[in-house]
Structure formats: C-alpha cells, structure tokens
Protein backbone atom coordinates (compact mmCIF):
# COMPACT_ATOMS: atom_id res chain seq x y z
CA MET A 1 -14.20 5.03 -3.88
CA SER A 2 -15.83 7.95 -5.54
CA ASN A 3 -15.69 10.51 -2.61
CA LEU A 4 -12.02 9.52 -1.96
CA ASN A 5 -10.39 9.72 -5.24
CA LYS A 6 -7.85 12.30 -4.47
CA GLN A 7 -5.06 9.78 -4.23
CA LYS A 8 -3.81 8.35 -7.51
CA ILE A 9 -2.03 5.44 -5.52
CA THR A 10 -3.49 3.96 -2.37
CA PRO A 11 -1.87 1.25 -0.25
CA PHE A 12 -4.03 -1.72 -0.18
CA LEU A 13 -3.67 -4.24 2.77
CA TRP A 14 -4.55 -8.00 2.49
CA PHE A 15 -5.86 -9.57 5.77
CA ASP A 16 -6.98 -12.99 6.87
CA ASP A 17 -10.24 -12.29 8.70
CA LYS A 18 -8.50 -9.33 10.70
CA ALA A 19 -9.20 -6.34 8.47
CA GLU A 20 -12.00 -4.74 10.56
CA GLU A 21 -9.97 -5.23 13.83
CA ALA A 22 -6.86 -3.77 12.13
CA MET A 23 -8.75 -0.72 10.61
CA ASN A 24 -10.18 0.03 14.10
CA PHE A 25 -6.78 -0.30 15.56
CA TYR A 26 -5.10 2.05 13.17
CA VAL A 27 -7.83 4.89 13.44
CA SER A 28 -7.51 4.69 17.21
CA ALA A 29 -3.60 5.09 16.84
CA PHE A 30 -3.51 8.16 14.61
CA PRO A 31 -5.31 11.47 15.23
CA ASN A 32 -7.82 12.73 12.63
CA SER A 33 -8.67 9.40 11.36
CA GLU A 34 -11.76 7.36 10.41
CA ILE A 35 -13.13 4.23 8.73
CA THR A 36 -14.89 5.48 5.56
CA LEU A 37 -16.24 2.46 4.06
CA LEU A 38 -16.70 -1.26 5.38
CA LYS A 39 -18.63 -3.78 3.32
CA ARG A 40 -18.69 -7.56 4.12
CA TRP A 41 -18.49 -10.69 2.15
CA PRO A 42 -21.95 -12.10 1.59
CA SER A 43 -22.87 -15.75 2.26
CA SER A 44 -22.56 -16.40 -1.56
CA THR A 45 -19.53 -15.28 -3.46
CA PRO A 46 -18.33 -15.91 -6.98
CA PHE A 47 -14.97 -16.82 -5.59
CA PRO A 48 -15.01 -20.47 -4.63
CA THR A 49 -12.65 -20.40 -1.64
CA GLU A 50 -12.94 -20.63 2.10
CA SER A 51 -10.75 -17.67 2.44
CA THR A 52 -13.42 -15.19 1.89
CA LYS A 53 -15.50 -15.96 5.00
CA PRO A 54 -19.08 -14.40 5.05
CA GLY A 55 -19.11 -11.31 7.31
CA SER A 56 -15.40 -10.57 7.01
CA VAL A 57 -14.39 -7.41 5.08
CA GLN A 58 -14.93 -7.46 1.42
CA SER A 59 -14.00 -3.79 0.77
CA GLY A 60 -12.68 -1.35 3.40
CA SER A 61 -11.42 2.13 3.36
CA PHE A 62 -9.96 4.13 6.06
CA VAL A 63 -8.05 7.48 6.26
CA LEU A 64 -5.07 8.18 8.81
CA ASP A 65 -4.66 11.79 9.25
CA GLY A 66 -5.41 12.70 5.61
CA VAL A 67 -3.84 9.61 3.92
CA GLN A 68 -6.23 6.95 2.53
CA PHE A 69 -5.81 3.03 2.69
CA TYR A 70 -7.75 0.15 1.59
CA ALA A 71 -8.09 -3.31 3.15
CA PHE A 72 -9.94 -6.49 2.76
CA ASP A 73 -9.96 -10.08 3.93
CA ALA A 74 -8.92 -12.75 1.49
CA GLY A 75 -7.33 -15.44 3.44
CA PRO A 76 -3.77 -16.53 4.62
CA MET A 77 -1.91 -16.79 1.43
CA PHE A 78 0.33 -13.83 2.02
CA ARG A 79 2.03 -12.44 5.03
CA PHE A 80 3.10 -8.78 5.83
CA ASN A 81 6.84 -8.24 6.06
CA SER A 82 9.09 -5.23 6.18
CA SER A 83 9.52 -4.89 2.38
CA ILE A 84 6.89 -2.30 2.33
CA SER A 85 6.60 -0.23 5.56
CA PHE A 86 4.68 2.90 6.28
CA PHE A 87 6.91 5.93 7.18
CA ALA A 88 5.02 8.37 9.50
CA VAL A 89 6.59 11.81 10.30
CA PHE A 90 5.71 13.84 13.50
CA GLU A 91 7.13 17.20 14.74
CA THR A 92 7.12 16.46 18.26
CA ASP A 93 8.62 13.59 20.67
CA ALA A 94 5.28 13.46 22.36
CA GLU A 95 3.44 12.67 18.95
CA VAL A 96 6.09 10.17 17.98
CA ASP A 97 5.72 8.41 21.44
CA ALA A 98 2.04 8.43 21.52
CA VAL A 99 1.70 6.51 18.14
CA TRP A 100 4.58 4.22 18.92
CA ASN A 101 3.06 3.24 22.20
CA LYS A 102 -0.19 2.40 20.61
CA LEU A 103 1.27 0.58 17.47
CA ILE A 104 3.66 -1.53 19.63
CA GLU A 105 0.84 -3.07 21.55
CA GLY A 106 1.33 -6.79 20.79
CA GLY A 107 3.98 -5.81 18.07
CA GLU A 108 7.63 -6.30 17.64
CA VAL A 109 10.55 -3.78 17.86
CA MET A 110 12.70 -3.61 14.75
CA ILE A 111 14.71 -0.69 15.54
CA GLN A 112 14.29 0.63 19.15
CA ILE A 113 12.75 4.20 19.30
CA ASP A 114 15.67 6.57 20.23
CA LYS A 115 17.74 9.42 19.03
CA TYR A 116 19.77 8.62 15.93
CA LYS A 117 21.93 10.72 13.60
CA TRP A 118 19.16 11.09 11.21
CA SER A 119 16.40 12.09 13.58
CA ASP A 120 16.10 13.07 17.30
CA ARG A 121 13.33 10.52 17.60
CA TYR A 122 12.92 7.38 15.28
CA GLY A 123 11.91 3.82 15.58
CA TRP A 124 10.83 0.91 13.50
CA LEU A 125 8.34 -1.68 14.46
CA ASN A 126 6.00 -4.49 13.23
CA ASP A 127 2.44 -4.30 14.59
CA ARG A 128 0.35 -7.08 16.01
CA PHE A 129 -0.83 -7.82 12.44
CA GLY A 130 2.69 -7.87 10.97
CA VAL A 131 2.46 -4.49 9.26
CA SER A 132 5.63 -2.51 9.42
CA TRP A 133 5.94 1.05 10.52
CA GLN A 134 8.74 3.74 10.78
CA LEU A 135 8.05 6.59 13.07
CA TYR A 136 10.07 9.57 12.48
CA LYS A 137 10.56 13.06 14.06
CA GLY A 138 11.00 15.76 11.40
CA ARG A 139 9.27 18.48 9.52
CA LEU A 140 5.92 17.43 8.00
CA LYS A 141 6.44 20.14 5.14
CA ASP A 142 9.53 18.25 4.01
CA VAL A 143 7.51 15.17 3.42
CA GLY A 144 4.19 16.69 2.51
CA GLN A 145 2.00 14.04 4.15
CA ARG A 146 1.63 12.17 7.54
CA ILE A 147 2.23 8.63 6.29
CA SER A 148 4.20 7.46 3.11
CA PRO A 149 4.64 3.97 1.85
CA LEU A 150 8.34 2.95 1.75
CA LEU A 151 9.50 0.19 -0.40
CA MET A 152 12.68 -1.76 0.60
CA PHE A 153 14.60 -3.62 -2.03
CA SER A 154 16.43 -6.68 -0.66
CA GLY A 155 17.81 -10.00 -1.80
CA LYS A 156 18.13 -10.22 -5.56
CA GLN A 157 16.36 -6.88 -5.87
CA ARG A 158 18.86 -5.07 -3.41
CA GLY A 159 20.54 -2.22 -5.42
CA LYS A 160 17.43 -1.57 -7.56
CA ALA A 161 15.73 1.17 -5.42
CA GLU A 162 17.01 4.11 -7.53
CA GLU A 163 15.97 2.26 -10.72
CA ALA A 164 12.44 1.48 -9.46
CA MET A 165 12.05 5.17 -8.32
CA ASN A 166 12.97 6.46 -11.72
CA LEU A 167 10.64 3.91 -13.48
CA TYR A 168 7.71 4.97 -11.25
CA MET A 169 8.43 8.65 -11.89
CA SER A 170 8.55 7.92 -15.60
CA LEU A 171 5.23 6.24 -15.69
CA PHE A 172 3.16 8.87 -13.77
CA GLU A 173 2.57 12.45 -14.62
CA ASN A 174 3.85 15.29 -12.31
CA SER A 175 6.50 13.24 -10.67
CA LEU A 176 9.65 14.69 -9.04
CA SER A 177 12.48 13.57 -6.87
CA ASP A 178 12.98 15.12 -3.47
CA GLY A 179 16.50 13.61 -3.06
CA ILE A 180 18.55 10.54 -2.50
CA SER A 181 20.66 9.61 0.54
CA ARG A 182 23.24 6.86 0.04
CA TYR A 183 25.14 4.45 2.31
CA THR A 184 28.58 5.47 3.17
CA ALA A 185 31.63 3.40 3.95
CA SER A 186 30.65 3.62 7.84
CA ASP A 187 27.07 2.55 7.24
CA PRO A 188 25.94 -1.20 7.32
CA GLY A 189 24.65 -1.11 3.76
CA PRO A 190 26.79 -1.46 0.69
CA GLU A 191 28.35 1.96 -0.10
CA GLY A 192 26.61 3.89 -2.65
CA LEU A 193 23.26 2.14 -2.49
CA VAL A 194 20.18 4.12 -1.49
CA ASN A 195 19.59 4.22 2.28
CA HIS A 196 16.61 6.59 1.77
CA ALA A 197 15.02 8.33 -1.19
CA GLN A 198 11.87 10.28 -1.54
CA PHE A 199 9.79 11.29 -4.45
CA ARG A 200 6.37 12.40 -5.43
CA ILE A 201 3.81 11.26 -7.87
CA MET A 202 0.91 13.55 -8.60
CA GLY A 203 1.36 15.17 -5.20
CA GLN A 204 1.75 12.00 -3.27
CA THR A 205 4.87 11.10 -1.46
CA LEU A 206 6.61 7.62 -1.81
CA MET A 207 9.90 6.42 -0.46
CA VAL A 208 12.34 3.67 -1.48
CA MET A 209 15.48 2.11 0.15
CA ASP A 210 17.91 -0.70 -0.46
CA ASN A 211 18.15 -3.14 2.48
CA GLY A 212 21.29 -2.36 4.52
CA PHE A 213 21.40 -6.11 5.48
CA GLU A 214 21.71 -9.41 3.65
CA ASN A 215 18.36 -10.62 4.83
CA GLU A 216 15.86 -11.12 2.15
CA MET A 217 12.29 -9.68 2.54
CA PRO A 218 10.57 -10.19 -0.87
CA PHE A 219 7.62 -8.09 -1.93
CA ASN A 220 4.25 -9.92 -2.07
CA GLU A 221 0.59 -9.38 -2.38
CA ALA A 222 0.00 -8.68 1.27
CA ILE A 223 0.61 -4.93 0.48
CA SER A 224 -0.28 -3.85 -3.05
CA LEU A 225 -0.46 -0.37 -4.54
CA PHE A 226 -3.89 0.54 -5.89
CA VAL A 227 -3.89 2.81 -8.90
CA ASN A 228 -7.19 4.55 -9.56
CA CYS A 229 -7.75 4.88 -13.20
CA LYS A 230 -10.28 7.23 -14.74
CA ASP A 231 -11.06 5.13 -17.82
CA GLN A 232 -10.10 2.04 -20.00
CA GLN A 233 -7.38 4.14 -21.70
CA GLU A 234 -5.65 4.71 -18.36
CA VAL A 235 -6.10 1.10 -17.26
CA ASP A 236 -4.55 -0.04 -20.63
CA TYR A 237 -1.56 2.40 -20.18
CA TYR A 238 -0.52 1.44 -16.67
CA TRP A 239 -1.10 -2.31 -17.36
CA ASP A 240 0.96 -2.31 -20.39
CA GLN A 241 3.75 -0.17 -18.94
CA PHE A 242 3.94 -2.29 -15.80
CA THR A 243 3.69 -5.70 -17.35
CA LYS A 244 6.34 -4.90 -20.12
CA GLU A 245 8.91 -6.59 -17.80
CA GLY A 246 6.44 -7.64 -15.10
CA GLU A 247 3.84 -10.34 -14.53
CA GLU A 248 0.12 -10.40 -15.11
CA SER A 249 -2.08 -11.79 -12.37
CA ARG A 250 -5.92 -11.77 -12.13
CA CYS A 251 -8.71 -9.27 -11.29
CA GLY A 252 -6.59 -6.25 -12.21
CA TRP A 253 -3.56 -7.46 -10.17
CA LEU A 254 0.00 -7.48 -11.58
CA LYS A 255 3.60 -7.47 -10.48
CA ASP A 256 6.10 -5.05 -11.86
CA LYS A 257 9.75 -6.09 -12.83
CA PHE A 258 10.86 -5.73 -9.13
CA GLY A 259 8.02 -8.00 -7.64
CA VAL A 260 6.01 -5.11 -6.25
CA SER A 261 2.15 -5.76 -6.56
CA TRP A 262 -0.15 -3.30 -8.08
CA GLN A 263 -3.80 -3.11 -8.74
CA ILE A 264 -4.78 -1.23 -12.01
CA VAL A 265 -8.40 -0.35 -11.44
CA PRO A 266 -10.89 1.84 -13.18
CA GLU A 267 -13.05 4.30 -11.25
CA PHE A 268 -16.17 2.48 -12.28
CA LEU A 269 -15.25 -0.62 -10.25
CA SER A 270 -14.40 1.56 -7.09
CA ASP A 271 -17.76 3.20 -7.39
CA THR A 272 -19.52 -0.11 -7.83
CA PHE A 273 -18.42 -1.23 -4.35
CA GLU A 274 -20.30 1.71 -2.90
CA THR A 275 -23.52 0.52 -4.16
CA ASP A 276 -25.98 -1.26 -1.74
CA ASP A 277 -27.22 -3.78 -4.39
CA PRO A 278 -25.56 -7.10 -3.58
CA ILE A 279 -26.71 -8.69 -6.82
CA GLN A 280 -24.89 -5.97 -8.89
CA ILE A 281 -21.72 -6.29 -6.81
CA LYS A 282 -21.87 -10.16 -7.23
CA ASN A 283 -22.39 -9.89 -10.94
CA VAL A 284 -19.58 -7.41 -11.33
CA MET A 285 -17.19 -9.53 -9.21
CA ALA A 286 -18.17 -12.71 -11.21
CA ALA A 287 -17.11 -10.96 -14.40
CA MET A 288 -13.92 -9.55 -12.80
CA SER A 289 -12.92 -13.13 -11.62
CA GLN A 290 -12.64 -14.01 -15.38
CA MET A 291 -10.28 -11.16 -16.23
CA LYS A 292 -6.59 -10.35 -15.98
CA LYS A 293 -6.58 -6.76 -17.05
CA LEU A 294 -9.83 -5.24 -16.16
CA GLU A 295 -12.28 -4.28 -19.14
CA VAL A 296 -14.57 -1.49 -18.26
CA ALA A 297 -17.18 -2.26 -20.90
CA LYS A 298 -17.68 -5.85 -19.72
CA LEU A 299 -17.78 -4.82 -15.99
CA LYS A 300 -20.48 -2.22 -16.90
CA GLU A 301 -22.45 -4.87 -18.91
CA ALA A 302 -22.24 -7.21 -15.76
CA TYR A 303 -23.41 -4.40 -13.62
CA ASN A 304 -26.50 -3.57 -15.79
CA GLN A 305 -27.54 -7.25 -16.48
C-alpha cells in the first residue's frame, strides 16, 4: 500500500476466514510488529462466491519486526504447506524460544527446537493455521532482515532450487547471491543439491532449498509473492518474463515455471485499497475480475466512473 512500498516483493497469505485472527496472532508473537491495514469484504462483492464472507478480511497488511506481509480471506481452496516457510533469525536463545513458544501454540513440530551443526538453536514448525516457520539463532547482519521467505523445491521440482534462484535474480534489478550450501554424502538429501541458499533482490533477502526427502510439497496459491510495480511497463515486464514458461491466471495472478504463485500488481491498485470509498473499490474489483494481466488504464477508468 502507498505508505508501505519499501518492499518490492511481499509475501501474501490466503486464509479461509482466519486472516484477522492470524494477523493478530503473528503481531503478538514478534516484537516491533503491528497491523497496518484491515479492510473487510462488503455485503455485496463482484466475486460470486461464498468464499468471500462479508466482514472477513478483504485486504490486510501487517509488519513483523520490519518485514511486511499481506493477507486476505478468500475461501478454502488452498492449504498452507511447507513448500514456502518463513525463516526467522534471532541472536539469542531467549529470543528464539520466546517466538517458538508462541508460534507452537496449537501448532505442529516439524524439526524439534535444539542445537544442530548449522545452529546452536534451531527449530521448524507449522503454526495453528498451517503456516510454516523456521526459527534460527544466528547473526541478523548475515541475513539482513528478521524474516525471509524460503522456497523449498520438492517432487518433480526437486533439484531446481538453484535454477529458480538464478532466474529470479536475472529478472529483478540489484540482485546478488549470498552463497549456496549443498547436501553432502552424509546428509539426507541428494548429494550436490541445495540444502540452503540465500540471495537478495533489491535489498530483500529470499532463500531456497531442495527438499532433503522424497515427500512432495507442491507450491500453491496459499502463499504467493506480491510484486509491487510502479506502472504498466513494469507490470508488462514481470508478467511477460514469468509467463514465458509459466501459466497465466486471473486478477494479476500467475504461476512461474516451477509452480510458485506471484501477483504482479501496479501501485495504483494497491493505493486504491486504501480508499474509504466502497463504490470505487467495488468498481475497480469488478474490472479486475475480468482481467488476467492487470491493465492500469482500465482500472483507473473503473475507479473514476
């Protein structure tokens, strides 16, 4: 949204009537966090579905210790899994444990919090909503931000983490790799594949890995990556690049060649959702619902009608 456009790429979480509860839960778990926008679905919506319940979250934004997230409620079609987790780094055992003890309430342990060869304090969990978190004791300056999305490539996509990282770095300006760690012969994963890689896009840290096990966890729309575009030219560029070998969807959504969901969105649309005029929002959403790639001129026309 207009006052929070520092991030080029923002994780976007799709809930089923749980977005507000989840947002409150997350800002209570992390220090220096707050909900920055919460708008609700009106009683009348251009999307003819029972999934958008009046009063649930139409547009939500929250910040966890300096890192922005978006969320909304749009029905039960997609479920969170560990294909995309959020990697949070802390510098003391006490910080790790405090956030772990909060997030694990009603959740599920994936890797028990303990000391491992890669960290003195590390654990992996799925929270009560199914969102996956990796908590890690390390140096914040080595990562650059408190929380980073981590994409895990599994099933038929396993072995493609490095290719994906290189593709993403090639598409965005000011990108660089912070290094790649690979599975060794003594690790559970196939030797040579990526067990952890970190890279930066326009100052933001993202991470990738290949699944160390055979189980498949396919990417889906429950977590997408929202790209804030300044104008139609940027929308066209990212849309065309991602869909070359990917797949178009509706309302600015697409899947890249690896199945990762992205939203390619102009700043105008993000700003529109800050307005308090429900008629303008409804008109813009009605226009958007007819689009695959978003067209700024048509959105503005709908806004001004």
